[in-house]
PDB file of all heavy atoms in Angstrom:
ATOM      1  N   TYR A   1       9.236  -2.369  -8.316  1.00  0.00           N
ATOM      2  CA  TYR A   1       9.626  -1.017  -8.712  1.00  0.00           C
ATOM      3  C   TYR A   1      10.027  -0.197  -7.464  1.00  0.00           C
ATOM      4  O   TYR A   1       9.459  -0.377  -6.400  1.00  0.00           O
ATOM      5  CB  TYR A   1       8.487  -0.296  -9.439  1.00  0.00           C
ATOM      6  CG  TYR A   1       8.153  -0.847 -10.783  1.00  0.00           C
ATOM      7  CD1 TYR A   1       7.273  -1.938 -10.935  1.00  0.00           C
ATOM      8  CD2 TYR A   1       8.707  -0.308 -11.939  1.00  0.00           C
ATOM      9  CE1 TYR A   1       6.981  -2.438 -12.193  1.00  0.00           C
ATOM     10  CE2 TYR A   1       8.407  -0.799 -13.197  1.00  0.00           C
ATOM     11  CZ  TYR A   1       7.529  -1.871 -13.317  1.00  0.00           C
ATOM     12  OH  TYR A   1       7.239  -2.367 -14.549  1.00  0.00           O
ATOM     13  N   ASN A   2      10.971   0.679  -7.675  1.00  0.00           N
ATOM     14  CA  ASN A   2      11.370   1.571  -6.590  1.00  0.00           C
ATOM     15  C   ASN A   2      10.333   2.656  -6.334  1.00  0.00           C
ATOM     16  O   ASN A   2      10.267   3.206  -5.230  1.00  0.00           O
ATOM     17  CB  ASN A   2      12.744   2.222  -6.888  1.00  0.00           C
ATOM     18  CG  ASN A   2      13.856   1.203  -6.919  1.00  0.00           C
ATOM     19  OD1 ASN A   2      13.797   0.186  -6.187  1.00  0.00           O
ATOM     20  ND2 ASN A   2      14.866   1.429  -7.725  1.00  0.00           N
ATOM     21  N   THR A   3       9.565   2.989  -7.336  1.00  0.00           N
ATOM     22  CA  THR A   3       8.492   3.968  -7.183  1.00  0.00           C
ATOM     23  C   THR A   3       7.170   3.277  -7.476  1.00  0.00           C
ATOM     24  O   THR A   3       7.049   2.538  -8.441  1.00  0.00           O
ATOM     25  CB  THR A   3       8.667   5.171  -8.127  1.00  0.00           C
ATOM     26  OG1 THR A   3       8.768   4.708  -9.480  1.00  0.00           O
ATOM     27  CG2 THR A   3       9.894   5.972  -7.751  1.00  0.00           C
ATOM     28  N   ARG A   4       6.184   3.551  -6.601  1.00  0.00           N
ATOM     29  CA  ARG A   4       4.890   2.871  -6.718  1.00  0.00           C
ATOM     30  C   ARG A   4       3.751   3.859  -6.489  1.00  0.00           C
ATOM     31  O   ARG A   4       3.968   4.925  -5.942  1.00  0.00           O
ATOM     32  CB  ARG A   4       4.824   1.715  -5.682  1.00  0.00           C
ATOM     33  CG  ARG A   4       5.923   0.684  -5.842  1.00  0.00           C
ATOM     34  CD  ARG A   4       5.942  -0.311  -4.691  1.00  0.00           C
ATOM     35  NE  ARG A   4       6.357   0.284  -3.421  1.00  0.00           N
ATOM     36  CZ  ARG A   4       7.617   0.439  -3.049  1.00  0.00           C
ATOM     37  NH1 ARG A   4       8.593   0.082  -3.853  1.00  0.00           N
ATOM     38  NH2 ARG A   4       7.923   0.974  -1.868  1.00  0.00           N
ATOM     39  N   ILE A   5       2.565   3.458  -6.867  1.00  0.00           N
ATOM     40  CA  ILE A   5       1.392   4.282  -6.560  1.00  0.00           C
ATOM     41  C   ILE A   5       0.639   3.621  -5.386  1.00  0.00           C
ATOM     42  O   ILE A   5       0.814   2.439  -5.106  1.00  0.00           O
ATOM     43  CB  ILE A   5       0.440   4.421  -7.753  1.00  0.00           C
ATOM     44  CG1 ILE A   5      -0.103   3.069  -8.214  1.00  0.00           C
ATOM     45  CG2 ILE A   5       1.128   5.150  -8.899  1.00  0.00           C
ATOM     46  CD1 ILE A   5      -1.226   3.158  -9.207  1.00  0.00           C
ATOM     47  N   ASN A   6      -0.190   4.425  -4.680  1.00  0.00           N
ATOM     48  CA  ASN A   6      -1.068   3.850  -3.686  1.00  0.00           C
ATOM     49  C   ASN A   6      -2.489   3.796  -4.257  1.00  0.00           C
ATOM     50  O   ASN A   6      -2.768   4.244  -5.366  1.00  0.00           O
ATOM     51  CB  ASN A   6      -0.996   4.639  -2.371  1.00  0.00           C
ATOM     52  CG  ASN A   6      -1.385   6.099  -2.530  1.00  0.00           C
ATOM     53  OD1 ASN A   6      -2.390   6.421  -3.174  1.00  0.00           O
ATOM     54  ND2 ASN A   6      -0.574   6.984  -1.950  1.00  0.00           N
ATOM     55  N   THR A   7      -3.409   3.266  -3.459  1.00  0.00           N
ATOM     56  CA  THR A   7      -4.760   3.064  -3.946  1.00  0.00           C
ATOM     57  C   THR A   7      -5.447   4.372  -4.335  1.00  0.00           C
ATOM     58  O   THR A   7      -6.255   4.423  -5.258  1.00  0.00           O
ATOM     59  CB  THR A   7      -5.598   2.310  -2.914  1.00  0.00           C
ATOM     60  OG1 THR A   7      -5.496   2.965  -1.648  1.00  0.00           O
ATOM     61  CG2 THR A   7      -5.104   0.892  -2.744  1.00  0.00           C
ATOM     62  N   ARG A   8      -5.132   5.464  -3.611  1.00  0.00           N
ATOM     63  CA  ARG A   8      -5.751   6.755  -3.921  1.00  0.00           C
ATOM     64  C   ARG A   8      -5.224   7.358  -5.204  1.00  0.00           C
ATOM     65  O   ARG A   8      -5.875   8.212  -5.804  1.00  0.00           O
ATOM     66  CB  ARG A   8      -5.517   7.717  -2.767  1.00  0.00           C
ATOM     67  CG  ARG A   8      -6.370   7.402  -1.535  1.00  0.00           C
ATOM     68  CD  ARG A   8      -6.123   8.402  -0.429  1.00  0.00           C
ATOM     69  NE  ARG A   8      -7.017   8.173   0.692  1.00  0.00           N
ATOM     70  CZ  ARG A   8      -6.951   8.810   1.856  1.00  0.00           C
ATOM     71  NH1 ARG A   8      -6.005   9.726   2.035  1.00  0.00           N
ATOM     72  NH2 ARG A   8      -7.779   8.532   2.826  1.00  0.00           N
ATOM     73  N   GLU A   9      -4.031   6.929  -5.622  1.00  0.00           N
ATOM     74  CA  GLU A   9      -3.432   7.480  -6.830  1.00  0.00           C
ATOM     75  C   GLU A   9      -3.809   6.673  -8.094  1.00  0.00           C
ATOM     76  O   GLU A   9      -3.548   7.139  -9.197  1.00  0.00           O
ATOM     77  CB  GLU A   9      -1.918   7.532  -6.689  1.00  0.00           C
ATOM     78  CG  GLU A   9      -1.438   8.504  -5.625  1.00  0.00           C
ATOM     79  CD  GLU A   9       0.022   8.324  -5.235  1.00  0.00           C
ATOM     80  OE1 GLU A   9       0.519   7.176  -5.352  1.00  0.00           O
ATOM     81  OE2 GLU A   9       0.646   9.308  -4.816  1.00  0.00           O
ATOM     82  N   LEU A  10      -4.428   5.513  -7.916  1.00  0.00           N
ATOM     83  CA  LEU A  10      -4.784   4.696  -9.081  1.00  0.00           C
ATOM     84  C   LEU A  10      -5.749   5.423 -10.021  1.00  0.00           C
ATOM     85  O   LEU A  10      -5.551   5.394 -11.247  1.00  0.00           O
ATOM     86  CB  LEU A  10      -5.369   3.372  -8.636  1.00  0.00           C
ATOM     87  CG  LEU A  10      -5.815   2.421  -9.756  1.00  0.00           C
ATOM     88  CD1 LEU A  10      -4.679   2.166 -10.761  1.00  0.00           C
ATOM     89  CD2 LEU A  10      -6.320   1.091  -9.194  1.00  0.00           C
ATOM     90  N   PRO A  11      -6.819   6.093  -9.542  1.00  0.00           N
ATOM     91  CA  PRO A  11      -7.675   6.790 -10.499  1.00  0.00           C
ATOM     92  C   PRO A  11      -6.926   7.817 -11.341  1.00  0.00           C
ATOM     93  O   PRO A  11      -7.215   7.961 -12.536  1.00  0.00           O
ATOM     94  CB  PRO A  11      -8.732   7.471  -9.584  1.00  0.00           C
ATOM     95  CG  PRO A  11      -8.775   6.589  -8.372  1.00  0.00           C
ATOM     96  CD  PRO A  11      -7.373   6.135  -8.166  1.00  0.00           C
ATOM     97  N   GLU A  12      -5.983   8.543 -10.716  1.00  0.00           N
ATOM     98  CA  GLU A  12      -5.188   9.526 -11.489  1.00  0.00           C
ATOM     99  C   GLU A  12      -4.342   8.815 -12.536  1.00  0.00           C
ATOM    100  O   GLU A  12      -4.179   9.308 -13.672  1.00  0.00           O
ATOM    101  CB  GLU A  12      -4.303  10.325 -10.540  1.00  0.00           C
ATOM    102  CG  GLU A  12      -3.504  11.416 -11.223  1.00  0.00           C
ATOM    103  CD  GLU A  12      -2.636  12.187 -10.263  1.00  0.00           C
ATOM    104  OE1 GLU A  12      -2.714  11.961  -9.031  1.00  0.00           O
ATOM    105  OE2 GLU A  12      -1.848  13.023 -10.735  1.00  0.00           O
ATOM    106  N   MET A  13      -3.860   7.643 -12.210  1.00  0.00           N
ATOM    107  CA  MET A  13      -3.055   6.855 -13.157  1.00  0.00           C
ATOM    108  C   MET A  13      -3.916   6.393 -14.322  1.00  0.00           C
ATOM    109  O   MET A  13      -3.503   6.454 -15.483  1.00  0.00           O
ATOM    110  CB  MET A  13      -2.471   5.638 -12.417  1.00  0.00           C
ATOM    111  CG  MET A  13      -1.417   4.859 -13.199  1.00  0.00           C
ATOM    112  SD  MET A  13       0.112   5.791 -13.361  1.00  0.00           S
ATOM    113  CE  MET A  13       0.286   5.809 -15.134  1.00  0.00           C
ATOM    114  N   LEU A  14      -5.123   5.948 -14.031  1.00  0.00           N
ATOM    115  CA  LEU A  14      -6.024   5.518 -15.080  1.00  0.00           C
ATOM    116  C   LEU A  14      -6.451   6.708 -15.952  1.00  0.00           C
ATOM    117  O   LEU A  14      -6.618   6.551 -17.176  1.00  0.00           O
ATOM    118  CB  LEU A  14      -7.269   4.862 -14.462  1.00  0.00           C
ATOM    119  CG  LEU A  14      -7.012   3.584 -13.697  1.00  0.00           C
ATOM    120  CD1 LEU A  14      -8.309   3.054 -13.056  1.00  0.00           C
ATOM    121  CD2 LEU A  14      -6.409   2.511 -14.582  1.00  0.00           C
ATOM    122  N   ALA A  15      -6.604   7.882 -15.337  1.00  0.00           N
ATOM    123  CA  ALA A  15      -6.925   9.066 -16.134  1.00  0.00           C
ATOM    124  C   ALA A  15      -5.797   9.431 -17.101  1.00  0.00           C
ATOM    125  O   ALA A  15      -6.054   9.845 -18.249  1.00  0.00           O
ATOM    126  CB  ALA A  15      -7.212  10.238 -15.208  1.00  0.00           C
ATOM    127  N   LEU A  16      -4.548   9.215 -16.661  1.00  0.00           N
ATOM    128  CA  LEU A  16      -3.404   9.435 -17.558  1.00  0.00           C
ATOM    129  C   LEU A  16      -3.461   8.494 -18.738  1.00  0.00           C
ATOM    130  O   LEU A  16      -3.255   8.879 -19.910  1.00  0.00           O
ATOM    131  CB  LEU A  16      -2.102   9.262 -16.788  1.00  0.00           C
ATOM    132  CG  LEU A  16      -0.824   9.290 -17.636  1.00  0.00           C
ATOM    133  CD1 LEU A  16      -0.574  10.687 -18.201  1.00  0.00           C
ATOM    134  CD2 LEU A  16       0.375   8.821 -16.818  1.00  0.00           C
ATOM    135  N   GLY A  17      -3.738   7.207 -18.455  1.00  0.00           N
ATOM    136  CA  GLY A  17      -3.867   6.247 -19.525  1.00  0.00           C
ATOM    137  C   GLY A  17      -4.924   6.619 -20.545  1.00  0.00           C
ATOM    138  O   GLY A  17      -4.768   6.436 -21.735  1.00  0.00           O
ATOM    139  N   LYS A  18      -6.032   7.187 -20.026  1.00  0.00           N
ATOM    140  CA  LYS A  18      -7.121   7.613 -20.931  1.00  0.00           C
ATOM    141  C   LYS A  18      -6.645   8.747 -21.826  1.00  0.00           C
ATOM    142  O   LYS A  18      -6.895   8.719 -23.051  1.00  0.00           O
ATOM    143  CB  LYS A  18      -8.327   8.055 -20.091  1.00  0.00           C
ATOM    144  CG  LYS A  18      -9.529   8.520 -20.902  1.00  0.00           C
ATOM    145  CD  LYS A  18     -10.697   8.897 -19.969  1.00  0.00           C
ATOM    146  CE  LYS A  18     -11.967   9.230 -20.760  1.00  0.00           C
ATOM    147  NZ  LYS A  18     -11.833  10.470 -21.504  1.00  0.00           N
ATOM    148  N   ARG A  19      -5.962   9.740 -21.249  1.00  0.00           N
ATOM    149  CA  ARG A  19      -5.523  10.881 -22.058  1.00  0.00           C
ATOM    150  C   ARG A  19      -4.506  10.451 -23.112  1.00  0.00           C
ATOM    151  O   ARG A  19      -4.519  10.959 -24.244  1.00  0.00           O
ATOM    152  CB  ARG A  19      -4.892  11.934 -21.137  1.00  0.00           C
ATOM    153  CG  ARG A  19      -5.879  12.667 -20.260  1.00  0.00           C
ATOM    154  CD  ARG A  19      -5.284  13.914 -19.643  1.00  0.00           C
ATOM    155  NE  ARG A  19      -4.094  13.621 -18.845  1.00  0.00           N
ATOM    156  CZ  ARG A  19      -4.131  13.291 -17.560  1.00  0.00           C
ATOM    157  NH1 ARG A  19      -5.292  13.181 -16.943  1.00  0.00           N
ATOM    158  NH2 ARG A  19      -3.005  13.070 -16.894  1.00  0.00           N
ATOM    159  N   LEU A  20      -3.620   9.518 -22.745  1.00  0.00           N
ATOM    160  CA  LEU A  20      -2.576   9.092 -23.682  1.00  0.00           C
ATOM    161  C   LEU A  20      -3.009   7.938 -24.587  1.00  0.00           C
ATOM    162  O   LEU A  20      -2.245   7.529 -25.460  1.00  0.00           O
ATOM    163  CB  LEU A  20      -1.328   8.633 -22.892  1.00  0.00           C
ATOM    164  CG  LEU A  20      -0.708   9.676 -21.957  1.00  0.00           C
ATOM    165  CD1 LEU A  20       0.549   9.080 -21.301  1.00  0.00           C
ATOM    166  CD2 LEU A  20      -0.356  10.965 -22.694  1.00  0.00           C
ATOM    167  N   ASN A  21      -4.245   7.439 -24.337  1.00  0.00           N
ATOM    168  CA  ASN A  21      -4.740   6.279 -25.079  1.00  0.00           C
ATOM    169  C   ASN A  21      -3.741   5.115 -24.955  1.00  0.00           C
ATOM    170  O   ASN A  21      -3.430   4.427 -25.947  1.00  0.00           O
ATOM    171  CB  ASN A  21      -4.971   6.616 -26.544  1.00  0.00           C
ATOM    172  CG  ASN A  21      -5.876   5.591 -27.230  1.00  0.00           C
ATOM    173  OD1 ASN A  21      -6.636   4.899 -26.567  1.00  0.00           O
ATOM    174  ND2 ASN A  21      -5.723   5.461 -28.543  1.00  0.00           N
ATOM    175  N   LYS A  22      -3.283   4.895 -23.735  1.00  0.00           N
ATOM    176  CA  LYS A  22      -2.269   3.875 -23.468  1.00  0.00           C
ATOM    177  C   LYS A  22      -2.803   2.933 -22.395  1.00  0.00           C
ATOM    178  O   LYS A  22      -3.271   3.360 -21.339  1.00  0.00           O
ATOM    179  CB  LYS A  22      -0.995   4.556 -22.962  1.00  0.00           C
ATOM    180  CG  LYS A  22       0.207   3.647 -22.865  1.00  0.00           C
ATOM    181  CD  LYS A  22       0.884   3.471 -24.184  1.00  0.00           C
ATOM    182  CE  LYS A  22       2.225   2.724 -24.054  1.00  0.00           C
ATOM    183  NZ  LYS A  22       2.857   2.478 -25.343  1.00  0.00           N
ATOM    184  N   PRO A  23      -2.741   1.613 -22.612  1.00  0.00           N
ATOM    185  CA  PRO A  23      -3.199   0.666 -21.595  1.00  0.00           C
ATOM    186  C   PRO A  23      -2.375   0.765 -20.326  1.00  0.00           C
ATOM    187  O   PRO A  23      -1.151   0.920 -20.377  1.00  0.00           O
ATOM    188  CB  PRO A  23      -3.015  -0.701 -22.254  1.00  0.00           C
ATOM    189  CG  PRO A  23      -2.972  -0.439 -23.728  1.00  0.00           C
ATOM    190  CD  PRO A  23      -2.339   0.907 -23.867  1.00  0.00           C
ATOM    191  N   VAL A  24      -3.045   0.712 -19.184  1.00  0.00           N
ATOM    192  CA  VAL A  24      -2.367   0.724 -17.883  1.00  0.00           C
ATOM    193  C   VAL A  24      -2.535  -0.676 -17.272  1.00  0.00           C
ATOM    194  O   VAL A  24      -3.659  -1.193 -17.225  1.00  0.00           O
ATOM    195  CB  VAL A  24      -2.943   1.790 -16.942  1.00  0.00           C
ATOM    196  CG1 VAL A  24      -2.371   1.628 -15.521  1.00  0.00           C
ATOM    197  CG2 VAL A  24      -2.708   3.177 -17.471  1.00  0.00           C
ATOM    198  N   CYS A  25      -1.430  -1.258 -16.823  1.00  0.00           N
ATOM    199  CA  CYS A  25      -1.445  -2.579 -16.198  1.00  0.00           C
ATOM    200  C   CYS A  25      -1.076  -2.415 -14.718  1.00  0.00           C
ATOM    201  O   CYS A  25      -0.010  -1.882 -14.385  1.00  0.00           O
ATOM    202  CB  CYS A  25      -0.466  -3.532 -16.897  1.00  0.00           C
ATOM    203  SG  CYS A  25      -0.375  -5.144 -16.141  1.00  0.00           S
ATOM    204  N   ILE A  26      -1.976  -2.856 -13.842  1.00  0.00           N
ATOM    205  CA  ILE A  26      -1.788  -2.705 -12.392  1.00  0.00           C
ATOM    206  C   ILE A  26      -1.293  -4.027 -11.813  1.00  0.00           C
ATOM    207  O   ILE A  26      -1.995  -5.050 -11.895  1.00  0.00           O
ATOM    208  CB  ILE A  26      -3.110  -2.312 -11.701  1.00  0.00           C
ATOM    209  CG1 ILE A  26      -3.811  -1.180 -12.453  1.00  0.00           C
ATOM    210  CG2 ILE A  26      -2.873  -1.963 -10.235  1.00  0.00           C
ATOM    211  CD1 ILE A  26      -5.315  -1.233 -12.327  1.00  0.00           C
ATOM    212  N   LEU A  27      -0.110  -4.028 -11.239  1.00  0.00           N
ATOM    213  CA  LEU A  27       0.404  -5.225 -10.555  1.00  0.00           C
ATOM    214  C   LEU A  27       0.349  -4.978  -9.066  1.00  0.00           C
ATOM    215  O   LEU A  27       0.832  -3.967  -8.566  1.00  0.00           O
ATOM    216  CB  LEU A  27       1.835  -5.521 -10.999  1.00  0.00           C
ATOM    217  CG  LEU A  27       2.047  -5.873 -12.478  1.00  0.00           C
ATOM    218  CD1 LEU A  27       3.502  -6.217 -12.747  1.00  0.00           C
ATOM    219  CD2 LEU A  27       1.143  -7.043 -12.885  1.00  0.00           C
ATOM    220  N   ALA A  28      -0.241  -5.895  -8.334  1.00  0.00           N
ATOM    221  CA  ALA A  28      -0.371  -5.753  -6.883  1.00  0.00           C
ATOM    222  C   ALA A  28      -0.759  -7.103  -6.279  1.00  0.00           C
ATOM    223  O   ALA A  28      -1.235  -8.004  -6.998  1.00  0.00           O
ATOM    224  CB  ALA A  28      -1.400  -4.686  -6.544  1.00  0.00           C
TER     225      ALA A  28
END
């Protein structure tokens, strides 16, 4: 991907998944 998250942003990404009730898949 041209845009990526870093390790500090992963918790925020998981929080978004929780709010949207959407599974988050982390590739790294």
